[in-house]
């Protein structure tokens, strides 16, 4: 992990990200097939406070369609970015992400399997539940195998890659056999927030808040862990407990996020890495900055996805990949040039 001097104070970065996120959220409320003005948005908020939402179509658009989608984008983006930060600290590799551990592909397998059973054995509402459960089961399997290795982080990475490949094969097989459900499965695997509801927000918001608070409490130990397991133990850190807690936060947040929005890549990879290069490796500032950066990135991508080709909606996972892949290549070149540590 890189410990190079940072360019910007973490406080300034957190303040700037917070301001940008607020401005973008208000702007996103105004954008859509039915463009709204600032005055209309403010009036809709007043109607909501007064309990008059059902009498105003603009208020219904803001409250039932745009606001829950904006909040879901922010909470999912924050959760994915913090999960990526946890993975990078866990593996002591600034190019790690939740996907290499297999959580995302495990959750995708559960969702795809559940979609095959919808209408026959289970209701559609059970799809997110089975998706999250599958992601957690895969993580537990990876953890059990990794515990047997001499180097936990190295074993976790290799086991995660193997199980992730296995889950990808299962998903590909399901797509081959999907038949008439192929379009639905492919669209979900691309990731998107078109089905966002208040129930999704009420699930993700408390979960993201718990993850944020938990990682802030672990921030000092995460800083020490960058020195390596042996040095961290010598300094009094319970390394195995730290690893277990980070893996728990990573698994739960990623699995639930994938179950609500499908597979959205690169958020957990590029956000914490770029912020580490900008504000340094102190997790006391890096944790909240990653949460805000992930929320800002995913909200930006979702706003573009639903407005750029309206009334057609672009899967947000395509946009994050279009931005994330070149950024990832740049990060590889940055490391290859010897300007960032491992």
Foldseek 3Di string as FASTA:
>chain_A
DFFDAFADALVVLLVVLVVLLVVLLLVLLQDFPHGDDSVLVVVLVVCVVVVNQVVDPSVCCSPWARVLLLLLLLLLQLLQQLLLVLLCLLLVHLQDGLLLLQLQLQLLLQLLVVVVCDPPPDDPVCSLVSSLVRSVVSLVVLQVQLVPDPDSSVSSRVSSNVVNVVSVVSLVVSLVVVVPCNVVSVLQQLWARRPGGVVLSVVRVVLSVVLLVVLLVCQVLSVQCSVDDVSSVVVPDPSVVSSVVSSVSSNNSSSSSCSNIHDADQSNNQQLSVVCNHHNDRSNSSSSSSSSSSSSVSSVLRSCQPRVDPPHGHRSSVVSCVVRVVSSVVVVVCVVVVNGDD
